[in-house]
Amino acid sequence: MAVRAVRGAVQLERDEAGHMDEQVGELLTAVLERNGLTPDDLISIWFTATPDLHSDFPAAAARKLGIGFADVPLICAQELDIEGAMPRVVRILAHIESDKPRSEIAHVYLGAAAALRKDIAQ
């Protein structure tokens, strides 16, 4: 089994903890479903958030899903504050165990965040 990486992002409409929970949950669920994964396939997840998000930690939203993220190492970091960058974005970089070749990994960019990576968004 190989170690692979899955990317993803979602843009929040507003900086509220409940909304972050909902959107991060949707992103993680989509990553799992589109790649045929379970939480047992996850090695770790890096979350980043743009500097304008203050309401909660994206990793906390993952833990609240209650679908097996309790023992998956999660960490949060802040994105670079680049002028003109898309606001209110949570990104993920999930490390997984998978037999899929890299070319078959489905990276997930939801809603307006699809504009961030038109080359790999599915």
PDB file of N, CA and C in Angstrom:
ATOM      1  N   MET A   1       0.857  -1.170   0.000  1.00  0.00           N
ATOM      2  CA  MET A   1       0.000   0.000   0.000  1.00  0.00           C
ATOM      3  C   MET A   1       0.909   1.240   0.000  1.00  0.00           C
ATOM      4  N   ALA A   2       0.556   2.220  -0.810  1.00  0.00           N
ATOM      5  CA  ALA A   2       1.353   3.442  -0.940  1.00  0.00           C
ATOM      6  C   ALA A   2       0.782   4.568  -0.082  1.00  0.00           C
ATOM      7  N   VAL A   3       1.644   5.513   0.234  1.00  0.00           N
ATOM      8  CA  VAL A   3       1.211   6.744   0.890  1.00  0.00           C
ATOM      9  C   VAL A   3       0.918   7.754  -0.217  1.00  0.00           C
ATOM     10  N   ARG A   4      -0.269   8.324  -0.180  1.00  0.00           N
ATOM     11  CA  ARG A   4      -0.695   9.329  -1.162  1.00  0.00           C
ATOM     12  C   ARG A   4      -1.152  10.579  -0.427  1.00  0.00           C
ATOM     13  N   ALA A   5      -1.300  11.660  -1.170  1.00  0.00           N
ATOM     14  CA  ALA A   5      -1.798  12.913  -0.608  1.00  0.00           C
ATOM     15  C   ALA A   5      -3.024  13.350  -1.389  1.00  0.00           C
ATOM     16  N   VAL A   6      -4.008  13.859  -0.657  1.00  0.00           N
ATOM     17  CA  VAL A   6      -5.237  14.376  -1.254  1.00  0.00           C
ATOM     18  C   VAL A   6      -5.366  15.824  -0.831  1.00  0.00           C
ATOM     19  N   ARG A   7      -5.619  16.696  -1.807  1.00  0.00           N
ATOM     20  CA  ARG A   7      -5.802  18.116  -1.528  1.00  0.00           C
ATOM     21  C   ARG A   7      -7.273  18.472  -1.601  1.00  0.00           C
ATOM     22  N   GLY A   8      -7.614  19.562  -0.948  1.00  0.00           N
ATOM     23  CA  GLY A   8      -8.982  20.039  -1.019  1.00  0.00           C
ATOM     24  C   GLY A   8      -9.111  21.411  -0.395  1.00  0.00           C
ATOM     25  N   ALA A   9     -10.225  22.066  -0.675  1.00  0.00           N
ATOM     26  CA  ALA A   9     -10.479  23.390  -0.113  1.00  0.00           C
ATOM     27  C   ALA A   9     -11.962  23.712  -0.205  1.00  0.00           C
ATOM     28  N   VAL A  10     -12.361  24.617   0.662  1.00  0.00           N
ATOM     29  CA  VAL A  10     -13.719  25.144   0.648  1.00  0.00           C
ATOM     30  C   VAL A  10     -13.659  26.599   1.092  1.00  0.00           C
ATOM     31  N   GLN A  11     -14.497  27.435   0.486  1.00  0.00           N
ATOM     32  CA  GLN A  11     -14.597  28.827   0.913  1.00  0.00           C
ATOM     33  C   GLN A  11     -15.828  28.971   1.792  1.00  0.00           C
ATOM     34  N   LEU A  12     -15.636  29.525   2.974  1.00  0.00           N
ATOM     35  CA  LEU A  12     -16.749  29.774   3.882  1.00  0.00           C
ATOM     36  C   LEU A  12     -17.456  31.066   3.485  1.00  0.00           C
ATOM     37  N   GLU A  13     -18.754  31.107   3.683  1.00  0.00           N
ATOM     38  CA  GLU A  13     -19.525  32.316   3.410  1.00  0.00           C
ATOM     39  C   GLU A  13     -19.350  33.349   4.515  1.00  0.00           C
ATOM     40  N   ARG A  14     -19.089  32.842   5.734  1.00  0.00           N
ATOM     41  CA  ARG A  14     -18.936  33.741   6.889  1.00  0.00           C
ATOM     42  C   ARG A  14     -18.060  33.053   7.924  1.00  0.00           C
ATOM     43  N   ASP A  15     -17.482  33.830   8.804  1.00  0.00           N
ATOM     44  CA  ASP A  15     -16.602  33.318   9.842  1.00  0.00           C
ATOM     45  C   ASP A  15     -17.402  33.030  11.114  1.00  0.00           C
ATOM     46  N   GLU A  16     -18.067  31.882  11.130  1.00  0.00           N
ATOM     47  CA  GLU A  16     -18.845  31.432  12.282  1.00  0.00           C
ATOM     48  C   GLU A  16     -18.519  29.969  12.516  1.00  0.00           C
ATOM     49  N   ALA A  17     -18.347  29.594  13.780  1.00  0.00           N
ATOM     50  CA  ALA A  17     -17.937  28.233  14.120  1.00  0.00           C
ATOM     51  C   ALA A  17     -18.883  27.178  13.554  1.00  0.00           C
ATOM     52  N   GLY A  18     -20.178  27.368  13.681  1.00  0.00           N
ATOM     53  CA  GLY A  18     -21.136  26.394  13.167  1.00  0.00           C
ATOM     54  C   GLY A  18     -21.035  26.230  11.664  1.00  0.00           C
ATOM     55  N   HIS A  19     -20.840  27.339  10.979  1.00  0.00           N
ATOM     56  CA  HIS A  19     -20.698  27.300   9.522  1.00  0.00           C
ATOM     57  C   HIS A  19     -19.394  26.591   9.142  1.00  0.00           C
ATOM     58  N   MET A  20     -18.327  26.842   9.892  1.00  0.00           N
ATOM     59  CA  MET A  20     -17.066  26.149   9.627  1.00  0.00           C
ATOM     60  C   MET A  20     -17.251  24.644   9.832  1.00  0.00           C
ATOM     61  N   ASP A  21     -17.921  24.251  10.905  1.00  0.00           N
ATOM     62  CA  ASP A  21     -18.178  22.829  11.151  1.00  0.00           C
ATOM     63  C   ASP A  21     -18.873  22.195   9.947  1.00  0.00           C
ATOM     64  N   GLU A  22     -19.895  22.856   9.462  1.00  0.00           N
ATOM     65  CA  GLU A  22     -20.679  22.346   8.333  1.00  0.00           C
ATOM     66  C   GLU A  22     -19.832  22.220   7.071  1.00  0.00           C
ATOM     67  N   GLN A  23     -19.093  23.271   6.738  1.00  0.00           N
ATOM     68  CA  GLN A  23     -18.333  23.295   5.494  1.00  0.00           C
ATOM     69  C   GLN A  23     -17.125  22.359   5.527  1.00  0.00           C
ATOM     70  N   VAL A  24     -16.415  22.323   6.640  1.00  0.00           N
ATOM     71  CA  VAL A  24     -15.280  21.414   6.762  1.00  0.00           C
ATOM     72  C   VAL A  24     -15.787  19.970   6.755  1.00  0.00           C
ATOM     73  N   GLY A  25     -16.899  19.720   7.414  1.00  0.00           N
ATOM     74  CA  GLY A  25     -17.496  18.388   7.389  1.00  0.00           C
ATOM     75  C   GLY A  25     -17.858  17.956   5.984  1.00  0.00           C
ATOM     76  N   GLU A  26     -18.434  18.871   5.222  1.00  0.00           N
ATOM     77  CA  GLU A  26     -18.799  18.572   3.831  1.00  0.00           C
ATOM     78  C   GLU A  26     -17.550  18.262   3.002  1.00  0.00           C
ATOM     79  N   LEU A  27     -16.494  19.047   3.202  1.00  0.00           N
ATOM     80  CA  LEU A  27     -15.246  18.832   2.467  1.00  0.00           C
ATOM     81  C   LEU A  27     -14.639  17.467   2.798  1.00  0.00           C
ATOM     82  N   LEU A  28     -14.527  17.152   4.072  1.00  0.00           N
ATOM     83  CA  LEU A  28     -13.926  15.878   4.466  1.00  0.00           C
ATOM     84  C   LEU A  28     -14.765  14.696   4.009  1.00  0.00           C
ATOM     85  N   THR A  29     -16.071  14.808   4.114  1.00  0.00           N
ATOM     86  CA  THR A  29     -16.961  13.741   3.646  1.00  0.00           C
ATOM     87  C   THR A  29     -16.793  13.520   2.150  1.00  0.00           C
ATOM     88  N   ALA A  30     -16.695  14.605   1.385  1.00  0.00           N
ATOM     89  CA  ALA A  30     -16.514  14.495  -0.064  1.00  0.00           C
ATOM     90  C   ALA A  30     -15.172  13.851  -0.409  1.00  0.00           C
ATOM     91  N   VAL A  31     -14.117  14.213   0.318  1.00  0.00           N
ATOM     92  CA  VAL A  31     -12.799  13.612   0.073  1.00  0.00           C
ATOM     93  C   VAL A  31     -12.855  12.106   0.306  1.00  0.00           C
ATOM     94  N   LEU A  32     -13.470  11.701   1.412  1.00  0.00           N
ATOM     95  CA  LEU A  32     -13.579  10.269   1.706  1.00  0.00           C
ATOM     96  C   LEU A  32     -14.405   9.550   0.641  1.00  0.00           C
ATOM     97  N   GLU A  33     -15.576  10.085   0.317  1.00  0.00           N
ATOM     98  CA  GLU A  33     -16.467   9.434  -0.640  1.00  0.00           C
ATOM     99  C   GLU A  33     -15.860   9.347  -2.034  1.00  0.00           C
ATOM    100  N   ARG A  34     -15.323  10.447  -2.511  1.00  0.00           N
ATOM    101  CA  ARG A  34     -14.801  10.469  -3.890  1.00  0.00           C
ATOM    102  C   ARG A  34     -13.565   9.612  -4.071  1.00  0.00           C
ATOM    103  N   ASN A  35     -12.892   9.287  -2.970  1.00  0.00           N
ATOM    104  CA  ASN A  35     -11.689   8.463  -3.055  1.00  0.00           C
ATOM    105  C   ASN A  35     -11.898   7.054  -2.498  1.00  0.00           C
ATOM    106  N   GLY A  36     -13.136   6.743  -2.110  1.00  0.00           N
ATOM    107  CA  GLY A  36     -13.421   5.426  -1.577  1.00  0.00           C
ATOM    108  C   GLY A  36     -12.647   5.119  -0.303  1.00  0.00           C
ATOM    109  N   LEU A  37     -12.534   6.120   0.568  1.00  0.00           N
ATOM    110  CA  LEU A  37     -11.735   5.996   1.793  1.00  0.00           C
ATOM    111  C   LEU A  37     -12.611   5.885   3.030  1.00  0.00           C
ATOM    112  N   THR A  38     -12.019   5.364   4.082  1.00  0.00           N
ATOM    113  CA  THR A  38     -12.605   5.413   5.415  1.00  0.00           C
ATOM    114  C   THR A  38     -11.597   6.146   6.303  1.00  0.00           C
ATOM    115  N   PRO A  39     -12.002   6.591   7.469  1.00  0.00           N
ATOM    116  CA  PRO A  39     -11.038   7.237   8.371  1.00  0.00           C
ATOM    117  C   PRO A  39      -9.826   6.353   8.687  1.00  0.00           C
ATOM    118  N   ASP A  40      -9.972   5.035   8.632  1.00  0.00           N
ATOM    119  CA  ASP A  40      -8.837   4.134   8.870  1.00  0.00           C
ATOM    120  C   ASP A  40      -7.754   4.272   7.807  1.00  0.00           C
ATOM    121  N   ASP A  41      -8.093   4.785   6.631  1.00  0.00           N
ATOM    122  CA  ASP A  41      -7.121   4.977   5.552  1.00  0.00           C
ATOM    123  C   ASP A  41      -6.305   6.260   5.731  1.00  0.00           C
ATOM    124  N   LEU A  42      -6.732   7.123   6.641  1.00  0.00           N
ATOM    125  CA  LEU A  42      -6.058   8.404   6.846  1.00  0.00           C
ATOM    126  C   LEU A  42      -4.837   8.249   7.737  1.00  0.00           C
ATOM    127  N   ILE A  43      -3.746   8.865   7.324  1.00  0.00           N
ATOM    128  CA  ILE A  43      -2.535   8.910   8.141  1.00  0.00           C
ATOM    129  C   ILE A  43      -2.543  10.185   8.972  1.00  0.00           C
ATOM    130  N   SER A  44      -2.813  11.307   8.320  1.00  0.00           N
ATOM    131  CA  SER A  44      -2.878  12.602   9.002  1.00  0.00           C
ATOM    132  C   SER A  44      -3.515  13.619   8.065  1.00  0.00           C
ATOM    133  N   ILE A  45      -3.939  14.737   8.650  1.00  0.00           N
ATOM    134  CA  ILE A  45      -4.499  15.834   7.840  1.00  0.00           C
ATOM    135  C   ILE A  45      -3.923  17.159   8.340  1.00  0.00           C
ATOM    136  N   TRP A  46      -3.410  17.929   7.404  1.00  0.00           N
ATOM    137  CA  TRP A  46      -3.004  19.321   7.651  1.00  0.00           C
ATOM    138  C   TRP A  46      -4.155  20.203   7.199  1.00  0.00           C
ATOM    139  N   PHE A  47      -4.570  21.101   8.054  1.00  0.00           N
ATOM    140  CA  PHE A  47      -5.572  22.104   7.702  1.00  0.00           C
ATOM    141  C   PHE A  47      -4.883  23.457   7.684  1.00  0.00           C
ATOM    142  N   THR A  48      -5.221  24.279   6.714  1.00  0.00           N
ATOM    143  CA  THR A  48      -4.813  25.681   6.771  1.00  0.00           C
ATOM    144  C   THR A  48      -6.064  26.529   6.620  1.00  0.00           C
ATOM    145  N   ALA A  49      -6.006  27.709   7.189  1.00  0.00           N
ATOM    146  CA  ALA A  49      -7.113  28.662   7.093  1.00  0.00           C
ATOM    147  C   ALA A  49      -6.532  30.026   6.774  1.00  0.00           C
ATOM    148  N   THR A  50      -7.249  30.781   5.991  1.00  0.00           N
ATOM    149  CA  THR A  50      -6.803  32.136   5.671  1.00  0.00           C
ATOM    150  C   THR A  50      -6.856  32.978   6.953  1.00  0.00           C
ATOM    151  N   PRO A  51      -6.040  34.035   7.014  1.00  0.00           N
ATOM    152  CA  PRO A  51      -5.934  34.836   8.240  1.00  0.00           C
ATOM    153  C   PRO A  51      -7.220  35.513   8.692  1.00  0.00           C
ATOM    154  N   ASP A  52      -8.239  35.539   7.840  1.00  0.00           N
ATOM    155  CA  ASP A  52      -9.499  36.188   8.215  1.00  0.00           C
ATOM    156  C   ASP A  52     -10.469  35.237   8.918  1.00  0.00           C
ATOM    157  N   LEU A  53     -10.060  33.999   9.158  1.00  0.00           N
ATOM    158  CA  LEU A  53     -10.905  33.045   9.878  1.00  0.00           C
ATOM    159  C   LEU A  53     -10.429  32.929  11.325  1.00  0.00           C
ATOM    160  N   HIS A  54     -11.325  33.245  12.261  1.00  0.00           N
ATOM    161  CA  HIS A  54     -10.972  33.294  13.683  1.00  0.00           C
ATOM    162  C   HIS A  54     -11.932  32.513  14.567  1.00  0.00           C
ATOM    163  N   SER A  55     -13.049  32.030  14.024  1.00  0.00           N
ATOM    164  CA  SER A  55     -14.126  31.487  14.859  1.00  0.00           C
ATOM    165  C   SER A  55     -13.818  30.132  15.484  1.00  0.00           C
ATOM    166  N   ASP A  56     -13.000  29.311  14.832  1.00  0.00           N
ATOM    167  CA  ASP A  56     -12.716  27.985  15.363  1.00  0.00           C
ATOM    168  C   ASP A  56     -11.564  27.365  14.579  1.00  0.00           C
ATOM    169  N   PHE A  57     -11.112  26.219  15.071  1.00  0.00           N
ATOM    170  CA  PHE A  57     -10.070  25.457  14.383  1.00  0.00           C
ATOM    171  C   PHE A  57     -10.743  24.490  13.405  1.00  0.00           C
ATOM    172  N   PRO A  58     -10.272  24.428  12.158  1.00  0.00           N
ATOM    173  CA  PRO A  58     -10.842  23.445  11.232  1.00  0.00           C
ATOM    174  C   PRO A  58     -10.708  22.009  11.749  1.00  0.00           C
ATOM    175  N   ALA A  59      -9.635  21.701  12.448  1.00  0.00           N
ATOM    176  CA  ALA A  59      -9.468  20.351  12.995  1.00  0.00           C
ATOM    177  C   ALA A  59     -10.561  20.025  14.010  1.00  0.00           C
ATOM    178  N   ALA A  60     -11.010  21.015  14.751  1.00  0.00           N
ATOM    179  CA  ALA A  60     -12.096  20.802  15.713  1.00  0.00           C
ATOM    180  C   ALA A  60     -13.367  20.385  14.981  1.00  0.00           C
ATOM    181  N   ALA A  61     -13.597  20.964  13.812  1.00  0.00           N
ATOM    182  CA  ALA A  61     -14.763  20.584  13.000  1.00  0.00           C
ATOM    183  C   ALA A  61     -14.660  19.117  12.582  1.00  0.00           C
ATOM    184  N   ALA A  62     -13.463  18.672  12.228  1.00  0.00           N
ATOM    185  CA  ALA A  62     -13.268  17.277  11.834  1.00  0.00           C
ATOM    186  C   ALA A  62     -13.582  16.339  12.997  1.00  0.00           C
ATOM    187  N   ARG A  63     -13.138  16.699  14.175  1.00  0.00           N
ATOM    188  CA  ARG A  63     -13.382  15.847  15.353  1.00  0.00           C
ATOM    189  C   ARG A  63     -14.879  15.743  15.664  1.00  0.00           C
ATOM    190  N   LYS A  64     -15.605  16.823  15.395  1.00  0.00           N
ATOM    191  CA  LYS A  64     -17.046  16.838  15.682  1.00  0.00           C
ATOM    192  C   LYS A  64     -17.856  15.955  14.733  1.00  0.00           C
ATOM    193  N   LEU A  65     -17.268  15.553  13.618  1.00  0.00           N
ATOM    194  CA  LEU A  65     -17.998  14.709  12.663  1.00  0.00           C
ATOM    195  C   LEU A  65     -18.401  13.378  13.279  1.00  0.00           C
ATOM    196  N   GLY A  66     -17.593  12.882  14.196  1.00  0.00           N
ATOM    197  CA  GLY A  66     -17.923  11.639  14.867  1.00  0.00           C
ATOM    198  C   GLY A  66     -17.885  10.405  13.982  1.00  0.00           C
ATOM    199  N   ILE A  67     -17.044  10.430  12.946  1.00  0.00           N
ATOM    200  CA  ILE A  67     -16.976   9.277  12.026  1.00  0.00           C
ATOM    201  C   ILE A  67     -15.607   8.619  12.044  1.00  0.00           C
ATOM    202  N   GLY A  68     -14.864   8.783  13.116  1.00  0.00           N
ATOM    203  CA  GLY A  68     -13.601   8.065  13.215  1.00  0.00           C
ATOM    204  C   GLY A  68     -12.353   8.905  13.114  1.00  0.00           C
ATOM    205  N   PHE A  69     -12.448  10.200  13.301  1.00  0.00           N
ATOM    206  CA  PHE A  69     -11.265  11.057  13.243  1.00  0.00           C
ATOM    207  C   PHE A  69     -10.571  11.194  14.604  1.00  0.00           C
ATOM    208  N   ALA A  70     -11.074  10.524  15.625  1.00  0.00           N
ATOM    209  CA  ALA A  70     -10.552  10.689  16.983  1.00  0.00           C
ATOM    210  C   ALA A  70      -9.065  10.349  17.101  1.00  0.00           C
ATOM    211  N   ASP A  71      -8.595   9.342  16.356  1.00  0.00           N
ATOM    212  CA  ASP A  71      -7.190   8.964  16.474  1.00  0.00           C
ATOM    213  C   ASP A  71      -6.364   9.314  15.235  1.00  0.00           C
ATOM    214  N   VAL A  72      -6.903  10.158  14.360  1.00  0.00           N
ATOM    215  CA  VAL A  72      -6.160  10.642  13.191  1.00  0.00           C
ATOM    216  C   VAL A  72      -5.440  11.926  13.605  1.00  0.00           C
ATOM    217  N   PRO A  73      -4.111  11.999  13.439  1.00  0.00           N
ATOM    218  CA  PRO A  73      -3.412  13.232  13.767  1.00  0.00           C
ATOM    219  C   PRO A  73      -3.868  14.378  12.853  1.00  0.00           C
ATOM    220  N   LEU A  74      -4.291  15.474  13.470  1.00  0.00           N
ATOM    221  CA  LEU A  74      -4.763  16.655  12.751  1.00  0.00           C
ATOM    222  C   LEU A  74      -3.978  17.862  13.260  1.00  0.00           C
ATOM    223  N   ILE A  75      -3.672  18.788  12.367  1.00  0.00           N
ATOM    224  CA  ILE A  75      -2.989  20.012  12.773  1.00  0.00           C
ATOM    225  C   ILE A  75      -3.480  21.168  11.912  1.00  0.00           C
ATOM    226  N   CYS A  76      -3.500  22.355  12.508  1.00  0.00           N
ATOM    227  CA  CYS A  76      -3.938  23.555  11.798  1.00  0.00           C
ATOM    228  C   CYS A  76      -2.780  24.538  11.674  1.00  0.00           C
ATOM    229  N   ALA A  77      -2.805  25.297  10.594  1.00  0.00           N
ATOM    230  CA  ALA A  77      -1.834  26.362  10.371  1.00  0.00           C
ATOM    231  C   ALA A  77      -2.541  27.483   9.624  1.00  0.00           C
ATOM    232  N   GLN A  78      -1.911  28.639   9.623  1.00  0.00           N
ATOM    233  CA  GLN A  78      -2.485  29.782   8.919  1.00  0.00           C
ATOM    234  C   GLN A  78      -1.850  29.916   7.543  1.00  0.00           C
ATOM    235  N   GLU A  79      -2.687  30.179   6.547  1.00  0.00           N
ATOM    236  CA  GLU A  79      -2.217  30.440   5.187  1.00  0.00           C
ATOM    237  C   GLU A  79      -1.438  31.753   5.151  1.00  0.00           C
ATOM    238  N   LEU A  80      -0.620  31.919   4.145  1.00  0.00           N
ATOM    239  CA  LEU A  80       0.060  33.191   3.931  1.00  0.00           C
ATOM    240  C   LEU A  80      -0.975  34.279   3.660  1.00  0.00           C
ATOM    241  N   ASP A  81      -0.708  35.458   4.131  1.00  0.00           N
ATOM    242  CA  ASP A  81      -1.608  36.601   3.939  1.00  0.00           C
ATOM    243  C   ASP A  81      -1.201  37.324   2.659  1.00  0.00           C
ATOM    244  N   ILE A  82      -1.647  36.808   1.534  1.00  0.00           N
ATOM    245  CA  ILE A  82      -1.275  37.335   0.222  1.00  0.00           C
ATOM    246  C   ILE A  82      -2.352  38.294  -0.272  1.00  0.00           C
ATOM    247  N   GLU A  83      -1.947  39.464  -0.672  1.00  0.00           N
ATOM    248  CA  GLU A  83      -2.893  40.459  -1.187  1.00  0.00           C
ATOM    249  C   GLU A  83      -3.632  39.898  -2.398  1.00  0.00           C
ATOM    250  N   GLY A  84      -4.950  40.004  -2.374  1.00  0.00           N
ATOM    251  CA  GLY A  84      -5.774  39.550  -3.483  1.00  0.00           C
ATOM    252  C   GLY A  84      -6.162  38.080  -3.409  1.00  0.00           C
ATOM    253  N   ALA A  85      -5.705  37.365  -2.375  1.00  0.00           N
ATOM    254  CA  ALA A  85      -6.052  35.948  -2.247  1.00  0.00           C
ATOM    255  C   ALA A  85      -7.533  35.794  -1.891  1.00  0.00           C
ATOM    256  N   MET A  86      -8.088  34.648  -2.244  1.00  0.00           N
ATOM    257  CA  MET A  86      -9.480  34.362  -1.930  1.00  0.00           C
ATOM    258  C   MET A  86      -9.659  34.363  -0.408  1.00  0.00           C
ATOM    259  N   PRO A  87     -10.667  35.066   0.098  1.00  0.00           N
ATOM    260  CA  PRO A  87     -10.897  35.118   1.548  1.00  0.00           C
ATOM    261  C   PRO A  87     -11.641  33.896   2.083  1.00  0.00           C
ATOM    262  N   ARG A  88     -11.543  33.692   3.388  1.00  0.00           N
ATOM    263  CA  ARG A  88     -12.314  32.688   4.144  1.00  0.00           C
ATOM    264  C   ARG A  88     -12.187  31.280   3.573  1.00  0.00           C
ATOM    265  N   VAL A  89     -10.961  30.839   3.339  1.00  0.00           N
ATOM    266  CA  VAL A  89     -10.729  29.527   2.738  1.00  0.00           C
ATOM    267  C   VAL A  89     -10.062  28.587   3.746  1.00  0.00           C
ATOM    268  N   VAL A  90     -10.599  27.384   3.834  1.00  0.00           N
ATOM    269  CA  VAL A  90      -9.975  26.298   4.580  1.00  0.00           C
ATOM    270  C   VAL A  90      -9.464  25.305   3.544  1.00  0.00           C
ATOM    271  N   ARG A  91      -8.185  24.954   3.669  1.00  0.00           N
ATOM    272  CA  ARG A  91      -7.571  23.971   2.771  1.00  0.00           C
ATOM    273  C   ARG A  91      -7.163  22.755   3.581  1.00  0.00           C
ATOM    274  N   ILE A  92      -7.096  21.618   2.896  1.00  0.00           N
ATOM    275  CA  ILE A  92      -6.591  20.411   3.547  1.00  0.00           C
ATOM    276  C   ILE A  92      -5.525  19.755   2.684  1.00  0.00           C
ATOM    277  N   LEU A  93      -4.631  19.067   3.351  1.00  0.00           N
ATOM    278  CA  LEU A  93      -3.681  18.156   2.722  1.00  0.00           C
ATOM    279  C   LEU A  93      -3.740  16.889   3.569  1.00  0.00           C
ATOM    280  N   ALA A  94      -4.425  15.882   3.055  1.00  0.00           N
ATOM    281  CA  ALA A  94      -4.615  14.631   3.779  1.00  0.00           C
ATOM    282  C   ALA A  94      -3.640  13.592   3.252  1.00  0.00           C
ATOM    283  N   HIS A  95      -2.938  12.956   4.158  1.00  0.00           N
ATOM    284  CA  HIS A  95      -2.046  11.851   3.811  1.00  0.00           C
ATOM    285  C   HIS A  95      -2.817  10.561   4.036  1.00  0.00           C
ATOM    286  N   ILE A  96      -2.817   9.708   3.020  1.00  0.00           N
ATOM    287  CA  ILE A  96      -3.639   8.493   3.068  1.00  0.00           C
ATOM    288  C   ILE A  96      -2.812   7.275   2.666  1.00  0.00           C
ATOM    289  N   GLU A  97      -3.333   6.101   3.011  1.00  0.00           N
ATOM    290  CA  GLU A  97      -2.816   4.844   2.491  1.00  0.00           C
ATOM    291  C   GLU A  97      -3.795   4.385   1.419  1.00  0.00           C
ATOM    292  N   SER A  98      -3.259   4.127   0.222  1.00  0.00           N
ATOM    293  CA  SER A  98      -4.133   3.753  -0.886  1.00  0.00           C
ATOM    294  C   SER A  98      -3.356   2.991  -1.945  1.00  0.00           C
ATOM    295  N   ASP A  99      -4.035   2.075  -2.597  1.00  0.00           N
ATOM    296  CA  ASP A  99      -3.446   1.362  -3.727  1.00  0.00           C
ATOM    297  C   ASP A  99      -3.650   2.119  -5.038  1.00  0.00           C
ATOM    298  N   LYS A 100      -4.418   3.208  -4.996  1.00  0.00           N
ATOM    299  CA  LYS A 100      -4.664   3.987  -6.212  1.00  0.00           C
ATOM    300  C   LYS A 100      -3.381   4.687  -6.674  1.00  0.00           C
ATOM    301  N   PRO A 101      -3.188   4.755  -7.985  1.00  0.00           N
ATOM    302  CA  PRO A 101      -2.083   5.584  -8.478  1.00  0.00           C
ATOM    303  C   PRO A 101      -2.420   7.062  -8.264  1.00  0.00           C
ATOM    304  N   ARG A 102      -1.405   7.896  -8.227  1.00  0.00           N
ATOM    305  CA  ARG A 102      -1.627   9.339  -8.011  1.00  0.00           C
ATOM    306  C   ARG A 102      -2.640   9.916  -8.988  1.00  0.00           C
ATOM    307  N   SER A 103      -2.604   9.444 -10.207  1.00  0.00           N
ATOM    308  CA  SER A 103      -3.493   9.991 -11.246  1.00  0.00           C
ATOM    309  C   SER A 103      -4.966   9.724 -10.958  1.00  0.00           C
ATOM    310  N   GLU A 104      -5.266   8.790 -10.068  1.00  0.00           N
ATOM    311  CA  GLU A 104      -6.661   8.467  -9.760  1.00  0.00           C
ATOM    312  C   GLU A 104      -7.145   9.086  -8.453  1.00  0.00           C
ATOM    313  N   ILE A 105      -6.296   9.830  -7.773  1.00  0.00           N
ATOM    314  CA  ILE A 105      -6.703  10.489  -6.540  1.00  0.00           C
ATOM    315  C   ILE A 105      -7.606  11.670  -6.898  1.00  0.00           C
ATOM    316  N   ALA A 106      -8.759  11.753  -6.244  1.00  0.00           N
ATOM    317  CA  ALA A 106      -9.714  12.838  -6.498  1.00  0.00           C
ATOM    318  C   ALA A 106      -9.493  13.956  -5.487  1.00  0.00           C
ATOM    319  N   HIS A 107      -8.960  15.064  -5.954  1.00  0.00           N
ATOM    320  CA  HIS A 107      -8.801  16.260  -5.128  1.00  0.00           C
ATOM    321  C   HIS A 107     -10.129  17.002  -5.150  1.00  0.00           C
ATOM    322  N   VAL A 108     -10.518  17.569  -4.023  1.00  0.00           N
ATOM    323  CA  VAL A 108     -11.871  18.102  -3.880  1.00  0.00           C
ATOM    324  C   VAL A 108     -11.832  19.588  -3.531  1.00  0.00           C
ATOM    325  N   TYR A 109     -12.341  20.400  -4.426  1.00  0.00           N
ATOM    326  CA  TYR A 109     -12.452  21.842  -4.213  1.00  0.00           C
ATOM    327  C   TYR A 109     -13.922  22.198  -4.355  1.00  0.00           C
ATOM    328  N   LEU A 110     -14.543  22.542  -3.235  1.00  0.00           N
ATOM    329  CA  LEU A 110     -15.984  22.776  -3.224  1.00  0.00           C
ATOM    330  C   LEU A 110     -16.344  24.237  -3.473  1.00  0.00           C
ATOM    331  N   GLY A 111     -17.467  24.436  -4.142  1.00  0.00           N
ATOM    332  CA  GLY A 111     -17.995  25.783  -4.356  1.00  0.00           C
ATOM    333  C   GLY A 111     -16.997  26.696  -5.033  1.00  0.00           C
ATOM    334  N   ALA A 112     -16.920  27.924  -4.547  1.00  0.00           N
ATOM    335  CA  ALA A 112     -16.035  28.930  -5.146  1.00  0.00           C
ATOM    336  C   ALA A 112     -14.571  28.535  -5.058  1.00  0.00           C
ATOM    337  N   ALA A 113     -14.216  27.655  -4.121  1.00  0.00           N
ATOM    338  CA  ALA A 113     -12.821  27.231  -3.982  1.00  0.00           C
ATOM    339  C   ALA A 113     -12.328  26.447  -5.194  1.00  0.00           C
ATOM    340  N   ALA A 114     -13.235  25.969  -6.033  1.00  0.00           N
ATOM    341  CA  ALA A 114     -12.829  25.272  -7.260  1.00  0.00           C
ATOM    342  C   ALA A 114     -11.964  26.167  -8.138  1.00  0.00           C
ATOM    343  N   ALA A 115     -12.135  27.472  -8.020  1.00  0.00           N
ATOM    344  CA  ALA A 115     -11.337  28.408  -8.812  1.00  0.00           C
ATOM    345  C   ALA A 115      -9.860  28.416  -8.393  1.00  0.00           C
ATOM    346  N   LEU A 116      -9.568  27.890  -7.223  1.00  0.00           N
ATOM    347  CA  LEU A 116      -8.175  27.881  -6.742  1.00  0.00           C
ATOM    348  C   LEU A 116      -7.303  26.930  -7.534  1.00  0.00           C
ATOM    349  N   ARG A 117      -7.878  25.813  -7.945  1.00  0.00           N
ATOM    350  CA  ARG A 117      -7.097  24.789  -8.652  1.00  0.00           C
ATOM    351  C   ARG A 117      -7.925  24.169  -9.756  1.00  0.00           C
ATOM    352  N   LYS A 118      -8.217  24.946 -10.769  1.00  0.00           N
ATOM    353  CA  LYS A 118      -9.016  24.428 -11.884  1.00  0.00           C
ATOM    354  C   LYS A 118      -8.327  23.246 -12.567  1.00  0.00           C
ATOM    355  N   ASP A 119      -7.014  23.168 -12.413  1.00  0.00           N
ATOM    356  CA  ASP A 119      -6.260  22.095 -13.057  1.00  0.00           C
ATOM    357  C   ASP A 119      -6.469  20.735 -12.397  1.00  0.00           C
ATOM    358  N   ILE A 120      -6.836  20.700 -11.076  1.00  0.00           N
ATOM    359  CA  ILE A 120      -7.003  19.407 -10.424  1.00  0.00           C
ATOM    360  C   ILE A 120      -8.359  19.242  -9.738  1.00  0.00           C
ATOM    361  N   ALA A 121      -9.149  20.280  -9.657  1.00  0.00           N
ATOM    362  CA  ALA A 121     -10.446  20.178  -8.973  1.00  0.00           C
ATOM    363  C   ALA A 121     -11.346  19.216  -9.734  1.00  0.00           C
ATOM    364  N   GLN A 122     -12.029  18.360  -8.982  1.00  0.00           N
ATOM    365  CA  GLN A 122     -12.916  17.379  -9.603  1.00  0.00           C
ATOM    366  C   GLN A 122     -14.286  17.475  -9.021  1.00  0.00           C
TER     367      GLN A 122
END
